[in-house]
Amino acid sequence: LIDSDETIVGVDWLNSGTTSAGLSAALSGDIVLPSTPIVDGAIGIIDRGNGVFTRVCVESGTLVGQVQLENNPYDVVIIGDQAFATRYNPNTAAADPADAGSDIIGFDARTMERNDVRIAFDEFAGEVTGEEAGEPVMVDIAARPAAMRVVDGHLVVVLERTQVDQAAAARGFGEGTVVVIDPETLERTSLTLEGSANCTQMTAVPGSTDEVYVACKGDSVVAFDGPGTRETAGIYRLQIAAGAASVVDSWKPAEEEPNATYSLIALS
């Protein structure tokens, strides 16, 4: 962690060998911070390898709490005492829908205990026409919710919509989709980012309270960075109003661009 004066803080403050009291799962090698900073004195750490969300006191490094989320948690936001986590991976073998993944689940930010909130995205999964060895095939895709933010009092989440079996030779994907959810009623609207694929990143637009940027890496039915990747990559500027998202502006990489889009941070 780096302070605003560029001072490195927390050297060896918490690592994969830490076994402090109450830490039931030590950190794995696949950890990230929530895309929206949690700034109430206890930092949040998403451990995708263990499927765990951990909160630690910034000053002392002591454990505040830990909750098991499973299914590769991607992002976490907190609204008051209620916390929400996107779970990127689907679990097609789950007997209990609570363990099915590819969803948003809720937990209490104070007690760090899961509750009954689950928001599924089944309508954004299904079959698409993909390709294997140059031949068209049908491919199962999952919603794969990724980055999430709170805008205008609503949860805004971007769905990647890529294949269930990411290691399979057959590849296919759906268009990136943004879903706006009322956290009280769980009512929602959706916006398809037409011509996009592999959309996972979201960040605030500086100076705006109702806009976000979404970055799409692009995808190809042949392979990552194969033909079509740049055509389906890009950046979208969205406005969130009245519980719905709309496109304000967008940018697409040209064919001669050396890279497609991967991630985005807006400074000003």
C-alpha atoms as a PDB file:
ATOM      1  CA  LEU A   1       0.000   0.000   0.000  1.00  0.00           C
ATOM      2  CA  ILE A   2       1.339   3.423  -0.987  1.00  0.00           C
ATOM      3  CA  ASP A   3       0.368   6.623   0.843  1.00  0.00           C
ATOM      4  CA  SER A   4      -0.479   9.854  -0.992  1.00  0.00           C
ATOM      5  CA  ASP A   5       3.064  11.148  -0.366  1.00  0.00           C
ATOM      6  CA  GLU A   6       4.416   8.022  -2.104  1.00  0.00           C
ATOM      7  CA  THR A   7       5.484   6.446   1.189  1.00  0.00           C
ATOM      8  CA  ILE A   8       5.161   2.666   1.174  1.00  0.00           C
ATOM      9  CA  VAL A   9       3.118   1.565   4.174  1.00  0.00           C
ATOM     10  CA  GLY A  10       2.368  -1.879   5.470  1.00  0.00           C
ATOM     11  CA  VAL A  11       5.571  -3.614   4.378  1.00  0.00           C
ATOM     12  CA  ASP A  12       5.133  -7.262   5.416  1.00  0.00           C
ATOM     13  CA  TRP A  13       1.950  -6.077   7.088  1.00  0.00           C
ATOM     14  CA  LEU A  14      -0.057  -9.060   5.874  1.00  0.00           C
ATOM     15  CA  ASN A  15       1.131 -11.963   3.761  1.00  0.00           C
ATOM     16  CA  SER A  16       0.312 -15.534   2.818  1.00  0.00           C
ATOM     17  CA  GLY A  17       2.112 -16.770   5.931  1.00  0.00           C
ATOM     18  CA  THR A  18       0.059 -14.669   8.336  1.00  0.00           C
ATOM     19  CA  THR A  19      -1.832 -16.846  10.824  1.00  0.00           C
ATOM     20  CA  SER A  20      -3.214 -14.280  13.258  1.00  0.00           C
ATOM     21  CA  ALA A  21      -5.964 -15.251  15.651  1.00  0.00           C
ATOM     22  CA  GLY A  22      -9.258 -15.674  13.864  1.00  0.00           C
ATOM     23  CA  LEU A  23      -7.704 -15.874  10.401  1.00  0.00           C
ATOM     24  CA  SER A  24      -9.208 -19.164   9.297  1.00  0.00           C
ATOM     25  CA  ALA A  25      -7.808 -18.956   5.754  1.00  0.00           C
ATOM     26  CA  ALA A  26      -4.333 -17.589   5.055  1.00  0.00           C
ATOM     27  CA  LEU A  27      -3.970 -15.524   1.889  1.00  0.00           C
ATOM     28  CA  SER A  28      -3.464 -17.342  -1.397  1.00  0.00           C
ATOM     29  CA  GLY A  29      -1.389 -16.063  -4.304  1.00  0.00           C
ATOM     30  CA  ASP A  30      -4.397 -14.542  -6.092  1.00  0.00           C
ATOM     31  CA  ILE A  31      -5.561 -11.454  -4.214  1.00  0.00           C
ATOM     32  CA  VAL A  32      -6.991  -8.088  -5.319  1.00  0.00           C
ATOM     33  CA  LEU A  33      -8.482  -5.015  -3.682  1.00  0.00           C
ATOM     34  CA  PRO A  34     -12.117  -4.036  -4.335  1.00  0.00           C
ATOM     35  CA  SER A  35     -12.453  -1.694  -7.310  1.00  0.00           C
ATOM     36  CA  THR A  36     -14.110   0.861  -5.013  1.00  0.00           C
ATOM     37  CA  PRO A  37     -11.816   1.606  -2.039  1.00  0.00           C
ATOM     38  CA  ILE A  38     -13.264   0.746   1.367  1.00  0.00           C
ATOM     39  CA  VAL A  39     -12.061   3.638   3.531  1.00  0.00           C
ATOM     40  CA  ASP A  40     -13.543   3.143   6.996  1.00  0.00           C
ATOM     41  CA  GLY A  41     -10.249   2.151   8.609  1.00  0.00           C
ATOM     42  CA  ALA A  42     -10.459  -1.521   7.660  1.00  0.00           C
ATOM     43  CA  ILE A  43      -9.202  -2.436   4.215  1.00  0.00           C
ATOM     44  CA  GLY A  44     -10.954  -5.160   2.260  1.00  0.00           C
ATOM     45  CA  ILE A  45      -8.982  -7.918   0.522  1.00  0.00           C
ATOM     46  CA  ILE A  46     -10.577 -10.237  -2.038  1.00  0.00           C
ATOM     47  CA  ASP A  47      -8.827 -13.602  -2.082  1.00  0.00           C
ATOM     48  CA  ARG A  48      -9.933 -15.204  -5.336  1.00  0.00           C
ATOM     49  CA  GLY A  49      -7.791 -18.277  -4.789  1.00  0.00           C
ATOM     50  CA  ASN A  50      -9.533 -19.202  -1.531  1.00  0.00           C
ATOM     51  CA  GLY A  51     -12.874 -17.593  -2.312  1.00  0.00           C
ATOM     52  CA  VAL A  52     -12.633 -15.448   0.827  1.00  0.00           C
ATOM     53  CA  PHE A  53     -13.143 -11.758   1.651  1.00  0.00           C
ATOM     54  CA  THR A  54     -10.997 -10.489   4.529  1.00  0.00           C
ATOM     55  CA  ARG A  55     -11.067  -7.154   6.365  1.00  0.00           C
ATOM     56  CA  VAL A  56      -7.986  -5.970   8.247  1.00  0.00           C
ATOM     57  CA  CYS A  57      -7.380  -2.847  10.369  1.00  0.00           C
ATOM     58  CA  VAL A  58      -5.173  -0.479   8.350  1.00  0.00           C
ATOM     59  CA  GLU A  59      -3.216   0.842  11.345  1.00  0.00           C
ATOM     60  CA  SER A  60      -2.527  -2.359  13.262  1.00  0.00           C
ATOM     61  CA  GLY A  61      -2.876  -5.103  10.672  1.00  0.00           C
ATOM     62  CA  THR A  62      -5.200  -7.013  13.008  1.00  0.00           C
ATOM     63  CA  LEU A  63      -8.055  -9.056  11.640  1.00  0.00           C
ATOM     64  CA  VAL A  64     -11.513  -7.445  11.618  1.00  0.00           C
ATOM     65  CA  GLY A  65     -13.385 -10.306   9.994  1.00  0.00           C
ATOM     66  CA  GLN A  66     -13.474 -12.891   7.250  1.00  0.00           C
ATOM     67  CA  VAL A  67     -16.271 -14.426   5.189  1.00  0.00           C
ATOM     68  CA  GLN A  68     -16.243 -17.416   2.839  1.00  0.00           C
ATOM     69  CA  LEU A  69     -17.724 -16.487  -0.553  1.00  0.00           C
ATOM     70  CA  GLU A  70     -16.497 -19.273  -2.883  1.00  0.00           C
ATOM     71  CA  ASN A  71     -16.693 -19.413  -6.693  1.00  0.00           C
ATOM     72  CA  ASN A  72     -13.923 -16.890  -7.380  1.00  0.00           C
ATOM     73  CA  PRO A  73     -15.221 -13.613  -5.906  1.00  0.00           C
ATOM     74  CA  TYR A  74     -14.379 -10.753  -8.277  1.00  0.00           C
ATOM     75  CA  ASP A  75     -15.478  -7.562  -6.526  1.00  0.00           C
ATOM     76  CA  VAL A  76     -17.093  -6.323  -3.297  1.00  0.00           C
ATOM     77  CA  VAL A  77     -19.034  -3.146  -2.471  1.00  0.00           C
ATOM     78  CA  ILE A  78     -20.544  -2.018   0.831  1.00  0.00           C
ATOM     79  CA  ILE A  79     -23.732   0.038   1.243  1.00  0.00           C
ATOM     80  CA  GLY A  80     -24.230   0.862   4.912  1.00  0.00           C
ATOM     81  CA  ASP A  81     -24.116  -2.442   6.763  1.00  0.00           C
ATOM     82  CA  GLN A  82     -24.936  -4.488   3.674  1.00  0.00           C
ATOM     83  CA  ALA A  83     -22.147  -5.882   1.499  1.00  0.00           C
ATOM     84  CA  PHE A  84     -22.419  -7.406  -1.962  1.00  0.00           C
ATOM     85  CA  ALA A  85     -19.929  -9.618  -3.795  1.00  0.00           C
ATOM     86  CA  THR A  86     -19.801 -10.647  -7.445  1.00  0.00           C
ATOM     87  CA  ARG A  87     -18.838 -14.291  -7.963  1.00  0.00           C
ATOM     88  CA  TYR A  88     -17.205 -14.772 -11.348  1.00  0.00           C
ATOM     89  CA  ASN A  89     -17.131 -18.565 -11.694  1.00  0.00           C
ATOM     90  CA  PRO A  90     -20.218 -20.722 -12.277  1.00  0.00           C
ATOM     91  CA  ASN A  91     -20.549 -23.973 -10.337  1.00  0.00           C
ATOM     92  CA  THR A  92     -22.643 -26.232 -12.556  1.00  0.00           C
ATOM     93  CA  ALA A  93     -22.365 -29.120 -10.077  1.00  0.00           C
ATOM     94  CA  ALA A  94     -23.847 -27.191  -7.139  1.00  0.00           C
ATOM     95  CA  ALA A  95     -26.787 -28.900  -5.461  1.00  0.00           C
ATOM     96  CA  ASP A  96     -27.749 -25.702  -3.626  1.00  0.00           C
ATOM     97  CA  PRO A  97     -28.458 -22.540  -5.706  1.00  0.00           C
ATOM     98  CA  ALA A  98     -26.572 -20.548  -3.055  1.00  0.00           C
ATOM     99  CA  ASP A  99     -23.411 -22.265  -4.286  1.00  0.00           C
ATOM    100  CA  ALA A 100     -24.111 -21.942  -8.014  1.00  0.00           C
ATOM    101  CA  GLY A 101     -21.845 -18.930  -8.568  1.00  0.00           C
ATOM    102  CA  SER A 102     -21.908 -16.535 -11.527  1.00  0.00           C
ATOM    103  CA  ASP A 103     -24.020 -14.254  -9.323  1.00  0.00           C
ATOM    104  CA  ILE A 104     -24.062 -11.554  -6.651  1.00  0.00           C
ATOM    105  CA  ILE A 105     -24.428 -12.628  -3.031  1.00  0.00           C
ATOM    106  CA  GLY A 106     -24.897 -10.560   0.100  1.00  0.00           C
ATOM    107  CA  PHE A 107     -23.307 -10.525   3.532  1.00  0.00           C
ATOM    108  CA  ASP A 108     -23.362  -8.340   6.650  1.00  0.00           C
ATOM    109  CA  ALA A 109     -20.408  -5.941   6.595  1.00  0.00           C
ATOM    110  CA  ARG A 110     -20.307  -5.804  10.417  1.00  0.00           C
ATOM    111  CA  THR A 111     -20.632  -9.452  11.368  1.00  0.00           C
ATOM    112  CA  MET A 112     -19.007 -10.726   8.144  1.00  0.00           C
ATOM    113  CA  GLU A 113     -21.689 -13.384   7.841  1.00  0.00           C
ATOM    114  CA  ARG A 114     -23.532 -14.304   4.658  1.00  0.00           C
ATOM    115  CA  ASN A 115     -27.240 -13.621   4.382  1.00  0.00           C
ATOM    116  CA  ASP A 116     -29.948 -14.880   2.020  1.00  0.00           C
ATOM    117  CA  VAL A 117     -29.398 -12.274  -0.700  1.00  0.00           C
ATOM    118  CA  ARG A 118     -28.543 -13.840  -4.058  1.00  0.00           C
ATOM    119  CA  ILE A 119     -28.922 -12.182  -7.445  1.00  0.00           C
ATOM    120  CA  ALA A 120     -28.672 -14.680 -10.305  1.00  0.00           C
ATOM    121  CA  PHE A 121     -28.071 -13.800 -13.941  1.00  0.00           C
ATOM    122  CA  ASP A 122     -29.380 -16.945 -15.613  1.00  0.00           C
ATOM    123  CA  GLU A 123     -31.004 -15.031 -18.463  1.00  0.00           C
ATOM    124  CA  PHE A 124     -27.557 -13.782 -19.559  1.00  0.00           C
ATOM    125  CA  ALA A 125     -26.139 -17.315 -19.763  1.00  0.00           C
ATOM    126  CA  GLY A 126     -27.036 -19.983 -22.309  1.00  0.00           C
ATOM    127  CA  GLU A 127     -25.786 -21.155 -25.694  1.00  0.00           C
ATOM    128  CA  VAL A 128     -24.087 -19.102 -28.402  1.00  0.00           C
ATOM    129  CA  THR A 129     -22.644 -20.026 -31.768  1.00  0.00           C
ATOM    130  CA  GLY A 130     -18.897 -20.376 -31.371  1.00  0.00           C
ATOM    131  CA  GLU A 131     -16.066 -22.111 -33.149  1.00  0.00           C
ATOM    132  CA  GLU A 132     -13.804 -25.123 -32.729  1.00  0.00           C
ATOM    133  CA  ALA A 133     -11.035 -25.963 -35.190  1.00  0.00           C
ATOM    134  CA  GLY A 134     -12.601 -23.674 -37.769  1.00  0.00           C
ATOM    135  CA  GLU A 135     -16.042 -25.265 -37.493  1.00  0.00           C
ATOM    136  CA  PRO A 136     -19.153 -23.627 -35.975  1.00  0.00           C
ATOM    137  CA  VAL A 137     -20.291 -25.226 -32.709  1.00  0.00           C
ATOM    138  CA  MET A 138     -22.690 -24.355 -29.908  1.00  0.00           C
ATOM    139  CA  VAL A 139     -20.925 -23.171 -26.763  1.00  0.00           C
ATOM    140  CA  ASP A 140     -22.325 -22.696 -23.246  1.00  0.00           C
ATOM    141  CA  ILE A 141     -21.592 -19.283 -21.745  1.00  0.00           C
ATOM    142  CA  ALA A 142     -21.998 -18.022 -18.178  1.00  0.00           C
ATOM    143  CA  ALA A 143     -22.917 -14.495 -17.094  1.00  0.00           C
ATOM    144  CA  ARG A 144     -19.627 -14.100 -15.147  1.00  0.00           C
ATOM    145  CA  PRO A 145     -20.326 -10.846 -13.224  1.00  0.00           C
ATOM    146  CA  ALA A 146     -17.119  -8.905 -12.689  1.00  0.00           C
ATOM    147  CA  ALA A 147     -16.529  -5.311 -11.564  1.00  0.00           C
ATOM    148  CA  MET A 148     -19.252  -3.585  -9.564  1.00  0.00           C
ATOM    149  CA  ARG A 149     -19.862  -0.031  -8.298  1.00  0.00           C
ATOM    150  CA  VAL A 150     -22.526   1.903  -6.417  1.00  0.00           C
ATOM    151  CA  VAL A 151     -23.912   4.741  -8.556  1.00  0.00           C
ATOM    152  CA  ASP A 152     -27.007   6.827  -7.789  1.00  0.00           C
ATOM    153  CA  GLY A 153     -27.819   4.413  -4.959  1.00  0.00           C
ATOM    154  CA  HIS A 154     -27.868   1.423  -7.318  1.00  0.00           C
ATOM    155  CA  LEU A 155     -25.553  -1.531  -7.830  1.00  0.00           C
ATOM    156  CA  VAL A 156     -23.992  -1.349 -11.278  1.00  0.00           C
ATOM    157  CA  VAL A 157     -22.327  -4.572 -12.429  1.00  0.00           C
ATOM    158  CA  VAL A 158     -20.685  -5.550 -15.701  1.00  0.00           C
ATOM    159  CA  LEU A 159     -21.187  -9.097 -17.027  1.00  0.00           C
ATOM    160  CA  GLU A 160     -18.355 -10.645 -19.039  1.00  0.00           C
ATOM    161  CA  ARG A 161     -20.537 -13.387 -20.608  1.00  0.00           C
ATOM    162  CA  THR A 162     -17.827 -15.819 -21.697  1.00  0.00           C
ATOM    163  CA  GLN A 163     -17.737 -19.591 -22.007  1.00  0.00           C
ATOM    164  CA  VAL A 164     -18.371 -21.844 -19.025  1.00  0.00           C
ATOM    165  CA  ASP A 165     -15.328 -24.033 -19.747  1.00  0.00           C
ATOM    166  CA  GLN A 166     -12.531 -21.547 -20.326  1.00  0.00           C
ATOM    167  CA  ALA A 167     -10.017 -24.317 -21.024  1.00  0.00           C
ATOM    168  CA  ALA A 168     -12.079 -25.949 -23.784  1.00  0.00           C
ATOM    169  CA  ALA A 169     -11.013 -25.866 -27.421  1.00  0.00           C
ATOM    170  CA  ALA A 170     -14.484 -24.693 -28.427  1.00  0.00           C
ATOM    171  CA  ARG A 171     -14.793 -20.953 -27.843  1.00  0.00           C
ATOM    172  CA  GLY A 172     -17.749 -18.602 -27.774  1.00  0.00           C
ATOM    173  CA  PHE A 173     -18.908 -15.444 -26.046  1.00  0.00           C
ATOM    174  CA  GLY A 174     -21.840 -13.093 -25.682  1.00  0.00           C
ATOM    175  CA  GLU A 175     -21.913  -9.319 -25.877  1.00  0.00           C
ATOM    176  CA  GLY A 176     -20.874  -7.439 -22.742  1.00  0.00           C
ATOM    177  CA  THR A 177     -23.801  -6.379 -20.571  1.00  0.00           C
ATOM    178  CA  VAL A 178     -24.262  -3.852 -17.766  1.00  0.00           C
ATOM    179  CA  VAL A 179     -26.962  -4.489 -15.155  1.00  0.00           C
ATOM    180  CA  VAL A 180     -28.331  -1.800 -12.805  1.00  0.00           C
ATOM    181  CA  ILE A 181     -29.905  -3.186  -9.601  1.00  0.00           C
ATOM    182  CA  ASP A 182     -31.949  -1.554  -6.835  1.00  0.00           C
ATOM    183  CA  PRO A 183     -30.302  -2.969  -3.671  1.00  0.00           C
ATOM    184  CA  GLU A 184     -33.562  -2.756  -1.706  1.00  0.00           C
ATOM    185  CA  THR A 185     -36.059  -4.308  -4.134  1.00  0.00           C
ATOM    186  CA  LEU A 186     -33.505  -6.164  -6.322  1.00  0.00           C
ATOM    187  CA  GLU A 187     -35.376  -4.880  -9.386  1.00  0.00           C
ATOM    188  CA  ARG A 188     -33.029  -4.406 -12.329  1.00  0.00           C
ATOM    189  CA  THR A 189     -32.529  -3.197 -15.857  1.00  0.00           C
ATOM    190  CA  SER A 190     -29.846  -4.177 -18.350  1.00  0.00           C
ATOM    191  CA  LEU A 191     -27.932  -2.601 -21.212  1.00  0.00           C
ATOM    192  CA  THR A 192     -26.143  -4.598 -23.918  1.00  0.00           C
ATOM    193  CA  LEU A 193     -22.891  -3.008 -25.092  1.00  0.00           C
ATOM    194  CA  GLU A 194     -23.410  -3.910 -28.722  1.00  0.00           C
ATOM    195  CA  GLY A 195     -20.379  -5.270 -30.531  1.00  0.00           C
ATOM    196  CA  SER A 196     -18.380  -5.700 -27.304  1.00  0.00           C
ATOM    197  CA  ALA A 197     -16.935  -8.769 -25.585  1.00  0.00           C
ATOM    198  CA  ASN A 198     -15.001  -9.727 -22.464  1.00  0.00           C
ATOM    199  CA  CYS A 199     -16.066  -6.641 -20.473  1.00  0.00           C
ATOM    200  CA  THR A 200     -14.851  -6.830 -16.866  1.00  0.00           C
ATOM    201  CA  GLN A 201     -13.469  -3.463 -15.725  1.00  0.00           C
ATOM    202  CA  MET A 202     -15.387  -0.445 -14.411  1.00  0.00           C
ATOM    203  CA  THR A 203     -14.239   2.849 -12.924  1.00  0.00           C
ATOM    204  CA  ALA A 204     -15.814   6.163 -11.961  1.00  0.00           C
ATOM    205  CA  VAL A 205     -15.749   9.204 -14.233  1.00  0.00           C
ATOM    206  CA  PRO A 206     -13.899  11.914 -12.248  1.00  0.00           C
ATOM    207  CA  GLY A 207     -16.111  14.863 -11.374  1.00  0.00           C
ATOM    208  CA  SER A 208     -19.311  12.964 -12.105  1.00  0.00           C
ATOM    209  CA  THR A 209     -21.683  11.318  -9.645  1.00  0.00           C
ATOM    210  CA  ASP A 210     -23.740   9.394 -12.194  1.00  0.00           C
ATOM    211  CA  GLU A 211     -21.272   8.153 -14.825  1.00  0.00           C
ATOM    212  CA  VAL A 212     -18.874   5.222 -15.137  1.00  0.00           C
ATOM    213  CA  TYR A 213     -16.380   3.912 -17.668  1.00  0.00           C
ATOM    214  CA  VAL A 214     -16.497   0.243 -18.691  1.00  0.00           C
ATOM    215  CA  ALA A 215     -13.459  -1.355 -20.375  1.00  0.00           C
ATOM    216  CA  CYS A 216     -13.868  -4.380 -22.657  1.00  0.00           C
ATOM    217  CA  LYS A 217     -10.838  -6.516 -23.554  1.00  0.00           C
ATOM    218  CA  GLY A 218     -12.466  -8.024 -26.637  1.00  0.00           C
ATOM    219  CA  ASP A 219     -12.591 -11.685 -27.541  1.00  0.00           C
ATOM    220  CA  SER A 220     -12.277 -14.075 -30.456  1.00  0.00           C
ATOM    221  CA  VAL A 221     -13.808 -17.457 -31.218  1.00  0.00           C
ATOM    222  CA  VAL A 222     -10.305 -18.586 -32.224  1.00  0.00           C
ATOM    223  CA  ALA A 223      -8.220 -17.659 -29.152  1.00  0.00           C
ATOM    224  CA  PHE A 224      -7.401 -14.804 -26.839  1.00  0.00           C
ATOM    225  CA  ASP A 225      -6.088 -11.918 -28.964  1.00  0.00           C
ATOM    226  CA  GLY A 226      -7.236 -13.760 -32.106  1.00  0.00           C
ATOM    227  CA  PRO A 227      -9.071 -12.215 -35.061  1.00  0.00           C
ATOM    228  CA  GLY A 228     -11.948 -10.033 -33.934  1.00  0.00           C
ATOM    229  CA  THR A 229     -10.470  -9.112 -30.558  1.00  0.00           C
ATOM    230  CA  ARG A 230      -9.887  -5.452 -31.412  1.00  0.00           C
ATOM    231  CA  GLU A 231     -13.284  -5.183 -33.076  1.00  0.00           C
ATOM    232  CA  THR A 232     -14.968  -6.264 -29.847  1.00  0.00           C
ATOM    233  CA  ALA A 233     -12.730  -4.289 -27.462  1.00  0.00           C
ATOM    234  CA  GLY A 234     -13.283  -0.720 -26.369  1.00  0.00           C
ATOM    235  CA  ILE A 235     -14.213   1.793 -23.694  1.00  0.00           C
ATOM    236  CA  TYR A 236     -17.771   2.870 -22.942  1.00  0.00           C
ATOM    237  CA  ARG A 237     -18.844   5.931 -20.973  1.00  0.00           C
ATOM    238  CA  LEU A 238     -22.200   5.239 -19.335  1.00  0.00           C
ATOM    239  CA  GLN A 239     -24.685   7.387 -17.448  1.00  0.00           C
ATOM    240  CA  ILE A 240     -26.729   5.806 -14.664  1.00  0.00           C
ATOM    241  CA  ALA A 241     -30.080   7.522 -14.089  1.00  0.00           C
ATOM    242  CA  ALA A 242     -33.545   6.427 -12.984  1.00  0.00           C
ATOM    243  CA  GLY A 243     -32.284   2.883 -12.413  1.00  0.00           C
ATOM    244  CA  ALA A 244     -30.983   2.383 -15.954  1.00  0.00           C
ATOM    245  CA  ALA A 245     -27.724   2.739 -17.910  1.00  0.00           C
ATOM    246  CA  SER A 246     -27.240   4.508 -21.243  1.00  0.00           C
ATOM    247  CA  VAL A 247     -24.180   5.000 -23.460  1.00  0.00           C
ATOM    248  CA  VAL A 248     -22.864   8.594 -23.468  1.00  0.00           C
ATOM    249  CA  ASP A 249     -19.764   7.956 -25.561  1.00  0.00           C
ATOM    250  CA  SER A 250     -17.485   5.125 -26.654  1.00  0.00           C
ATOM    251  CA  TRP A 251     -14.088   4.410 -28.201  1.00  0.00           C
ATOM    252  CA  LYS A 252     -12.966   1.394 -30.244  1.00  0.00           C
ATOM    253  CA  PRO A 253      -9.331   0.491 -31.001  1.00  0.00           C
ATOM    254  CA  ALA A 254      -8.373   0.708 -34.650  1.00  0.00           C
ATOM    255  CA  GLU A 255      -6.878  -2.248 -36.525  1.00  0.00           C
ATOM    256  CA  GLU A 256      -3.394  -0.733 -36.327  1.00  0.00           C
ATOM    257  CA  GLU A 257      -3.554  -0.332 -32.541  1.00  0.00           C
ATOM    258  CA  PRO A 258      -0.772  -2.432 -30.957  1.00  0.00           C
ATOM    259  CA  ASN A 259      -3.096  -3.634 -28.205  1.00  0.00           C
ATOM    260  CA  ALA A 260      -6.748  -3.938 -27.419  1.00  0.00           C
ATOM    261  CA  THR A 261      -8.111  -2.590 -24.115  1.00  0.00           C
ATOM    262  CA  TYR A 262      -7.421  -4.364 -20.852  1.00  0.00           C
ATOM    263  CA  SER A 263      -8.083  -2.055 -17.905  1.00  0.00           C
ATOM    264  CA  LEU A 264      -8.819   1.584 -17.225  1.00  0.00           C
ATOM    265  CA  ILE A 265      -8.162   4.128 -14.471  1.00  0.00           C
ATOM    266  CA  ALA A 266      -9.514   7.663 -14.918  1.00  0.00           C
ATOM    267  CA  LEU A 267      -7.343  10.327 -13.261  1.00  0.00           C
ATOM    268  CA  SER A 268      -9.085  13.517 -14.356  1.00  0.00           C
END
